Protein backbone atom coordinates (compact mmCIF):
# COMPACT_ATOMS: atom_id res chain seq x y z
CA MET A 1 0.00 -0.01 0.00
CA LYS A 2 1.22 3.48 -0.82
CA ARG A 3 1.63 5.43 2.41
CA GLY A 4 0.40 8.96 2.84
CA ILE A 5 2.59 11.90 3.76
CA GLY A 6 2.21 11.00 7.40
CA ASP A 7 4.06 7.69 7.08
CA LEU A 8 4.43 7.47 10.83
CA ALA A 9 5.79 3.93 10.70
CA ILE A 10 9.11 5.56 9.82
CA LEU A 11 8.99 7.21 13.24
CA GLY A 12 8.02 4.02 14.98
CA GLY A 13 4.32 4.79 14.87
CA PRO A 14 1.43 2.41 14.15
CA PRO A 15 0.86 1.20 10.58
CA ALA A 16 -1.70 2.97 8.41
CA PHE A 17 -5.15 1.46 7.91
CA GLU A 18 -5.56 -0.50 4.69
CA GLU A 19 -9.25 0.44 4.48
CA ALA A 20 -10.41 3.99 5.08
CA LEU A 21 -12.30 4.57 8.33
CA HIS A 22 -15.17 7.04 7.97
CA VAL A 23 -17.24 9.18 10.29
CA GLY A 24 -20.78 7.82 10.08
CA ARG A 25 -20.10 4.40 8.56
CA PRO A 26 -23.59 3.11 7.65
CA HIS A 27 -25.15 0.43 9.79
CA ILE A 28 -26.82 -2.26 7.68
CA GLY A 29 -29.73 -4.20 9.12
CA ASP A 30 -30.75 -7.75 8.30
CA ARG A 31 -29.97 -7.99 4.57
CA GLN A 32 -32.55 -10.64 3.92
CA ALA A 33 -35.23 -8.63 5.67
CA ILE A 34 -34.35 -5.65 3.47
CA LEU A 35 -34.38 -7.74 0.30
CA ASP A 36 -37.63 -9.50 1.23
CA ARG A 37 -39.40 -6.19 1.71
CA ILE A 38 -38.02 -4.77 -1.52
CA GLY A 39 -39.09 -7.92 -3.36
CA ASP A 40 -42.57 -7.59 -1.88
CA MET A 41 -42.64 -3.93 -2.88
CA LEU A 42 -41.75 -4.83 -6.47
CA ASP A 43 -44.37 -7.55 -6.59
CA ARG A 44 -47.00 -5.09 -5.32
CA ARG A 45 -45.76 -2.38 -7.73
CA TRP A 46 -46.36 0.21 -5.01
CA LEU A 47 -43.04 2.07 -4.96
CA THR A 48 -43.95 5.41 -3.39
CA ASN A 49 -46.94 7.63 -2.46
CA SER A 50 -47.51 6.54 1.16
CA GLY A 51 -47.31 2.81 0.67
CA PRO A 52 -47.67 0.20 3.43
CA TYR A 53 -44.00 0.28 4.46
CA THR A 54 -44.03 4.05 4.80
CA GLU A 55 -47.18 3.92 6.90
CA GLU A 56 -45.74 1.13 9.05
CA LEU A 57 -42.52 3.02 9.69
CA GLU A 58 -44.44 6.15 10.61
CA GLU A 59 -46.53 4.23 13.12
CA ARG A 60 -43.54 2.46 14.63
CA VAL A 61 -41.49 5.65 15.00
CA ALA A 62 -44.41 7.54 16.53
CA ASP A 63 -45.07 4.70 18.98
CA TYR A 64 -41.37 4.41 19.88
CA LEU A 65 -41.05 8.16 20.54
CA GLY A 66 -44.44 8.45 22.23
CA VAL A 67 -45.74 11.17 19.89
CA ARG A 68 -49.06 11.66 18.11
CA HIS A 69 -47.68 12.33 14.64
CA CYS A 70 -44.68 11.17 12.60
CA VAL A 71 -44.54 12.51 9.04
CA LEU A 72 -41.85 10.77 6.99
CA THR A 73 -40.06 12.70 4.28
CA CYS A 74 -37.50 12.05 1.53
CA ASN A 75 -34.69 13.58 3.62
CA GLY A 76 -34.02 15.63 6.73
CA THR A 77 -33.56 18.91 4.86
CA THR A 78 -37.02 18.65 3.33
CA ALA A 79 -38.38 17.81 6.79
CA LEU A 80 -36.90 21.05 8.15
CA GLN A 81 -38.46 23.06 5.32
CA LEU A 82 -41.86 21.44 5.73
CA ALA A 83 -41.76 21.88 9.50
CA ALA A 84 -40.97 25.58 9.14
CA ARG A 85 -43.95 26.00 6.80
CA ALA A 86 -46.20 23.85 8.97
CA LEU A 87 -45.38 26.16 11.88
CA GLU A 88 -46.33 29.08 9.59
CA LEU A 89 -43.09 30.91 10.33
CA ALA A 90 -42.24 34.24 8.74
CA GLY A 91 -39.50 36.76 9.48
CA GLU A 92 -36.46 35.90 11.59
CA VAL A 93 -35.53 32.68 13.37
CA ILE A 94 -32.81 32.37 15.99
CA VAL A 95 -30.55 29.40 15.24
CA PRO A 96 -27.07 28.26 16.29
CA SER A 97 -24.26 28.69 13.76
CA PHE A 98 -22.48 25.63 15.20
CA THR A 99 -24.53 23.11 13.23
CA PHE A 100 -24.53 21.42 9.84
CA VAL A 101 -25.23 24.12 7.29
CA ALA A 102 -28.35 22.21 6.14
CA THR A 103 -30.15 23.48 9.25
CA VAL A 104 -29.64 27.08 8.22
CA HIS A 105 -30.01 26.53 4.47
CA ALA A 106 -33.39 24.85 4.95
CA LEU A 107 -34.69 27.86 6.93
CA SER A 108 -33.30 30.34 4.41
CA TRP A 109 -34.77 28.34 1.52
CA THR A 110 -38.25 28.90 2.92
CA GLY A 111 -37.71 32.68 3.02
CA LEU A 112 -36.79 32.96 6.68
CA THR A 113 -33.88 35.07 7.91
CA PRO A 114 -31.48 33.19 10.25
CA VAL A 115 -30.16 35.13 13.21
CA PHE A 116 -27.12 33.30 14.50
CA CYS A 117 -26.84 32.50 18.19
CA ASP A 118 -23.78 31.41 20.15
CA VAL A 119 -23.61 28.09 21.99
CA ASP A 120 -22.68 26.67 25.37
CA PRO A 121 -18.97 25.70 25.34
CA ALA A 122 -19.64 22.65 27.53
CA THR A 123 -22.52 21.13 25.56
CA HIS A 124 -21.98 22.73 22.11
CA ASN A 125 -25.74 23.39 22.07
CA ILE A 126 -27.69 26.66 21.73
CA ASP A 127 -27.32 29.04 24.67
CA ALA A 128 -30.86 30.00 25.78
CA VAL A 129 -29.62 33.14 27.54
CA ALA A 130 -27.84 34.31 24.41
CA ALA A 131 -30.91 33.46 22.35
CA GLU A 132 -33.17 35.65 24.47
CA LYS A 133 -30.90 38.63 23.88
CA LEU A 134 -31.48 38.25 20.13
CA VAL A 135 -35.29 38.37 20.27
CA THR A 136 -36.85 41.32 18.43
CA ASP A 137 -40.31 42.14 17.10
CA ARG A 138 -39.26 40.36 13.88
CA THR A 139 -38.46 37.03 15.60
CA ALA A 140 -40.81 34.16 14.77
CA ALA A 141 -39.11 31.17 16.37
CA ILE A 142 -36.10 29.71 18.13
CA VAL A 143 -34.56 26.68 16.44
CA GLY A 144 -32.45 24.46 18.66
CA VAL A 145 -30.15 21.65 17.55
CA HIS A 146 -29.55 18.49 19.58
CA LEU A 147 -25.88 18.33 18.63
CA TRP A 148 -24.01 15.01 18.87
CA GLY A 149 -27.18 13.35 20.19
CA GLN A 150 -27.05 15.46 23.37
CA PRO A 151 -30.39 17.24 23.69
CA CYS A 152 -30.16 20.99 24.03
CA ALA A 153 -31.87 22.81 26.89
CA VAL A 154 -35.39 22.33 25.54
CA GLU A 155 -37.08 23.56 28.69
CA ALA A 156 -34.97 26.75 28.87
CA VAL A 157 -35.42 27.46 25.14
CA SER A 158 -39.16 26.83 25.41
CA GLU A 159 -39.44 29.18 28.39
CA VAL A 160 -37.75 31.95 26.41
CA ALA A 161 -40.08 31.28 23.47
CA GLU A 162 -43.16 31.32 25.68
CA ARG A 163 -42.18 34.63 27.29
CA HIS A 164 -41.95 36.23 23.88
CA GLY A 165 -44.79 34.43 22.10
CA LEU A 166 -42.45 32.50 19.76
CA ARG A 167 -42.59 29.08 18.19
CA THR A 168 -39.90 26.45 18.80
CA MET A 169 -38.46 23.87 16.45
CA PHE A 170 -35.66 21.41 17.14
CA ASP A 171 -33.27 19.81 14.68
CA ALA A 172 -32.90 16.30 16.10
CA ALA A 173 -30.92 14.89 13.16
CA HIS A 174 -28.31 13.48 15.57
CA ALA A 175 -30.68 12.48 18.34
CA PHE A 176 -32.90 9.55 17.39
CA GLY A 177 -33.09 7.26 20.40
CA CYS A 178 -31.70 9.89 22.78
CA SER A 179 -33.43 11.14 25.89
CA SER A 180 -33.64 14.21 28.11
CA GLY A 181 -34.99 13.88 31.62
CA GLY A 182 -35.78 10.26 30.83
CA ARG A 183 -38.03 11.14 27.87
CA LEU A 184 -37.03 10.39 24.30
CA VAL A 185 -36.39 13.35 22.02
CA GLY A 186 -39.23 13.95 19.60
CA GLY A 187 -42.14 15.36 21.56
CA SER A 188 -41.06 18.95 22.31
CA PRO A 189 -43.76 21.63 22.33
CA ASP A 190 -44.09 22.37 18.59
CA ALA A 191 -42.05 20.15 16.26
CA GLU A 192 -38.83 18.18 15.98
CA VAL A 193 -37.06 17.00 12.84
CA PHE A 194 -35.04 13.82 12.38
CA SER A 195 -32.68 12.65 9.65
CA PHE A 196 -32.56 9.03 8.50
CA HIS A 197 -29.60 9.58 6.19
CA ALA A 198 -27.21 6.67 5.61
CA THR A 199 -24.82 8.05 8.25
CA LYS A 200 -27.45 8.09 10.99
CA VAL A 201 -28.11 5.37 13.55
CA LEU A 202 -31.55 4.78 11.99
CA ASN A 203 -30.74 4.57 8.31
CA ALA A 204 -33.33 4.66 5.53
CA PHE A 205 -30.77 5.19 2.75
CA GLU A 206 -32.08 8.77 2.68
CA GLY A 207 -34.97 10.04 4.73
CA GLY A 208 -36.28 12.29 7.42
CA ALA A 209 -39.26 12.85 9.69
CA ILE A 210 -41.23 15.55 11.43
CA THR A 211 -42.64 14.59 14.84
CA THR A 212 -45.20 16.58 16.78
CA ASN A 213 -48.05 16.28 19.26
CA ASP A 214 -49.87 19.20 17.60
CA ASP A 215 -52.64 17.91 15.31
CA GLY A 216 -52.62 21.06 13.18
CA ILE A 217 -48.86 20.97 12.56
CA GLY A 218 -49.00 17.25 11.76
CA GLU A 219 -51.85 17.70 9.30
CA ARG A 220 -50.29 20.67 7.53
CA ALA A 221 -46.94 18.86 7.20
CA ARG A 222 -48.63 15.77 5.81
CA LEU A 223 -50.56 17.80 3.22
CA MET A 224 -47.56 19.84 2.11
CA ARG A 225 -45.42 16.71 1.78
CA ASN A 226 -47.67 15.56 -1.08
CA PHE A 227 -48.18 18.72 -3.14
CA GLY A 228 -50.98 19.92 -0.85
CA PHE A 229 -53.36 17.11 -1.87
CA ALA A 230 -56.13 16.58 0.70
CA ASP A 231 -57.87 13.99 -1.46
CA TYR A 232 -57.46 12.21 -4.76
CA ASP A 233 -57.83 15.35 -6.87
CA ARG A 234 -58.36 18.11 -4.28
CA VAL A 235 -55.45 20.43 -3.47
CA THR A 236 -55.95 22.59 -0.39
CA SER A 237 -52.53 24.13 0.24
CA LEU A 238 -49.15 24.92 -1.22
CA GLY A 239 -47.03 21.80 -1.27
CA THR A 240 -44.01 19.99 -2.65
CA ASN A 241 -42.84 16.45 -3.30
CA GLY A 242 -41.32 15.46 0.01
CA LYS A 243 -42.50 11.83 0.25
CA MET A 244 -40.34 8.93 1.40
CA SER A 245 -40.15 6.04 -1.07
CA GLU A 246 -41.17 2.50 -0.16
CA ALA A 247 -37.59 1.28 -0.69
CA ALA A 248 -36.32 3.83 1.82
CA ALA A 249 -39.06 2.83 4.27
CA ALA A 250 -38.13 -0.84 3.83
CA MET A 251 -34.54 0.01 4.75
CA GLY A 252 -35.77 2.13 7.65
CA LEU A 253 -37.86 -0.72 9.05
CA ALA A 254 -34.91 -3.10 8.85
CA SER A 255 -32.77 -0.49 10.65
CA PHE A 256 -35.45 0.05 13.26
CA GLU A 257 -35.52 -3.70 13.98
CA ARG A 258 -31.76 -3.61 14.66
CA LEU A 259 -31.67 -0.24 16.42
CA ASP A 260 -30.67 -1.62 19.83
CA ALA A 261 -27.83 -3.61 18.28
CA PHE A 262 -26.60 -0.55 16.32
CA ILE A 263 -26.59 1.58 19.47
CA ALA A 264 -24.78 -1.15 21.43
CA SER A 265 -22.10 -1.32 18.71
CA ASN A 266 -21.70 2.47 18.73
CA ARG A 267 -21.45 2.47 22.51
CA ALA A 268 -18.78 -0.25 22.53
CA ASN A 269 -16.69 1.94 20.23
CA TYR A 270 -17.42 5.04 22.31
CA LEU A 271 -16.16 3.25 25.44
CA ALA A 272 -13.07 2.07 23.57
CA TYR A 273 -12.33 5.65 22.52
CA GLN A 274 -12.93 6.85 26.06
CA THR A 275 -10.39 4.36 27.37
CA GLY A 276 -7.86 4.92 24.61
CA LEU A 277 -7.90 8.71 24.71
CA LYS A 278 -7.82 9.34 28.46
CA ASP A 279 -5.06 11.39 30.05
CA ILE A 280 -3.66 12.84 26.81
CA ASP A 281 -2.32 16.38 27.17
CA GLY A 282 -4.22 18.85 25.02
CA LEU A 283 -7.02 16.49 24.13
CA SER A 284 -10.46 16.43 25.76
CA PHE A 285 -13.18 13.88 25.13
CA LEU A 286 -16.81 14.97 24.94
CA SER A 287 -18.58 12.46 27.19
CA HIS A 288 -22.21 11.40 27.08
CA ASP A 289 -24.51 11.45 30.10
CA GLU A 290 -24.78 7.76 30.97
CA THR A 291 -27.93 8.37 33.03
CA GLU A 292 -29.77 9.20 29.80
CA ARG A 293 -30.33 7.22 26.62
CA ARG A 294 -27.87 8.01 23.86
CA ASN A 295 -27.22 6.59 20.40
CA TYR A 296 -23.43 7.14 20.64
CA GLN A 297 -23.38 8.00 16.95
CA HIS A 298 -20.77 10.75 17.27
CA VAL A 299 -17.37 10.57 18.96
CA VAL A 300 -16.21 14.11 19.58
CA VAL A 301 -12.82 15.37 20.79
CA GLU A 302 -11.44 18.87 21.27
CA VAL A 303 -7.82 19.67 20.52
CA ASP A 304 -6.56 22.54 22.73
CA PRO A 305 -4.13 24.62 20.63
CA ASP A 306 -2.41 25.86 23.81
CA GLY A 307 -2.04 22.47 25.49
CA SER A 308 -1.44 20.16 22.55
CA SER A 309 1.83 19.54 20.74
CA VAL A 310 0.00 19.72 17.36
CA SER A 311 -2.95 21.78 16.16
CA CYS A 312 -6.31 20.37 15.18
CA ASP A 313 -5.39 21.02 11.52
CA THR A 314 -2.16 19.04 11.89
CA LEU A 315 -3.86 16.16 13.67
CA ILE A 316 -6.48 15.81 10.97
CA ARG A 317 -3.78 15.88 8.27
CA VAL A 318 -2.01 13.03 10.01
CA LEU A 319 -5.21 11.03 10.46
CA TRP A 320 -6.21 11.42 6.81
CA ALA A 321 -2.69 10.51 5.70
CA GLU A 322 -3.04 7.30 7.70
CA ASN A 323 -6.52 6.53 6.23
CA VAL A 324 -8.51 7.66 9.28
CA LEU A 325 -10.97 10.10 7.75
CA ALA A 326 -11.89 12.18 10.78
CA ARG A 327 -14.00 15.28 10.16
CA ARG A 328 -13.92 18.86 11.42
CA TYR A 329 -17.64 19.29 12.15
CA PHE A 330 -18.72 22.09 12.08
CA HIS A 331 -15.91 24.13 10.66
CA PRO A 332 -15.82 27.06 10.17
CA GLY A 333 -19.41 27.64 11.41
CA ALA A 334 -22.36 28.53 9.23
CA HIS A 335 -21.87 32.26 9.84
CA ARG A 336 -18.52 32.04 8.05
CA MET A 337 -20.00 30.24 5.03
CA GLU A 338 -21.79 31.76 2.06
CA PRO A 339 -24.23 33.34 1.65
CA TYR A 340 -24.25 34.28 5.35
CA ARG A 341 -20.62 35.39 5.46
CA SER A 342 -21.35 38.18 2.97
CA SER A 343 -24.91 39.06 3.97
CA MET A 344 -24.33 39.09 7.73
CA PRO A 345 -20.72 40.27 8.30
CA ASP A 346 -21.44 41.44 11.84
CA ASP A 347 -22.09 37.85 12.93
CA ARG A 348 -18.40 37.08 12.50
CA GLU A 349 -17.63 39.30 15.48
CA ARG A 350 -20.22 38.12 18.00
CA LEU A 351 -19.99 34.33 18.04
CA PRO A 352 -16.77 33.75 19.99
CA VAL A 353 -17.71 30.34 21.42
CA THR A 354 -18.74 29.03 18.00
CA ASP A 355 -15.45 30.18 16.49
CA TRP A 356 -13.53 28.69 19.43
CA LEU A 357 -15.24 25.31 19.06
CA ALA A 358 -14.94 25.25 15.26
CA ASP A 359 -11.17 25.59 15.57
CA ARG A 360 -10.75 22.71 17.99
CA THR A 361 -13.52 20.14 17.45
CA LEU A 362 -12.92 16.85 15.66
CA LEU A 363 -15.19 13.88 14.96
CA LEU A 364 -13.64 10.40 14.93
CA PRO A 365 -14.82 7.39 12.90
CA ASN A 366 -17.73 5.35 14.25
CA GLY A 367 -20.63 3.31 12.90
CA GLY A 368 -21.33 0.05 11.13
CA GLY A 369 -18.51 -2.45 10.71
CA LEU A 370 -16.07 -0.61 12.94
CA GLU A 371 -14.80 -2.73 15.81
CA PRO A 372 -13.29 -1.67 19.15
CA THR A 373 -9.97 -3.21 18.06
CA ALA A 374 -9.80 -0.71 15.16
CA VAL A 375 -10.82 2.06 17.55
CA ALA A 376 -7.90 1.12 19.80
CA ARG A 377 -5.54 1.50 16.83
CA VAL A 378 -6.99 4.93 16.04
CA CYS A 379 -6.36 5.92 19.64
CA ASP A 380 -2.78 4.65 19.42
CA LEU A 381 -2.28 6.79 16.33
CA ILE A 382 -3.65 9.91 18.01
CA ARG A 383 -1.64 9.32 21.18
CA PHE A 384 1.56 8.75 19.18
CA THR A 385 0.95 11.92 17.11
CA LEU A 386 0.45 14.09 20.18
CA GLU A 387 3.33 12.55 22.11
CA ARG A 388 5.75 12.96 19.18
CA GLY A 389 4.38 16.29 17.97
CA ALA A 390 7.66 17.89 16.88
CA ASP A 391 8.77 14.77 14.97
CA VAL A 392 5.38 14.46 13.32
CA ARG A 393 5.36 18.11 12.21
CA GLU A 394 8.83 17.65 10.76
CA ARG A 395 7.72 14.50 8.94
CA LEU A 396 4.74 16.31 7.46
CA GLN A 397 6.97 19.18 6.32
CA ASP A 398 9.37 16.70 4.68
CA GLY A 399 6.44 15.09 2.88
CA ARG A 400 5.18 18.47 1.66
CA ASP A 401 8.65 19.54 0.46
CA ARG A 402 9.01 16.37 -1.61
């Protein structure tokens, strides 16, 4: 195998991985169960338009989360857009910048104006106190994100919203199967949105969902998902094509049936990382609250530029050179991406925690097919890199010069 520029074996480091390790490696459920459902779908010739598998998955998700309505969609971004319209939002929405840009794009796409809010440095989630300071007479809603599967302060955000007569919406793309106060995420006051993308713990190839206990929101989302059709040939509202296909629902059902096993696998890797990365100077490990339910989908570390022998940028270069494809989520923050960077230049000066986190946060590989033994090797690589920082930097420079 051709080694990357890291080539740490020359320095006595661990060998590179033959196969690339990815963040969000897809979990695959029972293959035969997937194929049987797809075969049945083909025999029935009912491939989309709210078929039996879509309806079954909606019912199972709603029952699992303990909510009145689950509206499945073709992806999580569409779910965010439909939820915003179902909530009848107009004007400005307060949203964290430290999130996947899809959260903000989806809101902007529906004509809303995002107002970026800073986050809590300990949880990486929206700061309710900071959010309240951003409320104006143009504010329609506060949008929280349950980052890394750690629910944000729903109660605090909801209290701010209630004081000011605002709606709330929560992006729960990372948080399926996670709890807050012993209750699973999904039933917050207005609406929550999930992603069932291939990288998520519940994988429907591509997919998303809106969950709510509000009958009006659920009905509006369901109508808009299918072009606004209320009946066979009766359109009652503006709509789009946001439906989940039967093939995606078949994959989602197979994933749902293996959800506990997927979470157990993620947790085994999380614990292996926790063991392998303890007591390393300049590196902190974002731990999950073990008293709550978590899906352990994301393994997050912070690299302290003042306490570490290498920067976050250098560490990720080494990892990629050794076939460990760690990711810098969410760098550099949505407020520093277009079109927001140009249209909202002032936001670059008032989000210090977001900028601080974006410069130091790193996601490590996890997901389907990754074993704790491989995780231990990743930890060895990280530990070696940080312990031999000067030698590693020199090796990288030599590789660049050649």
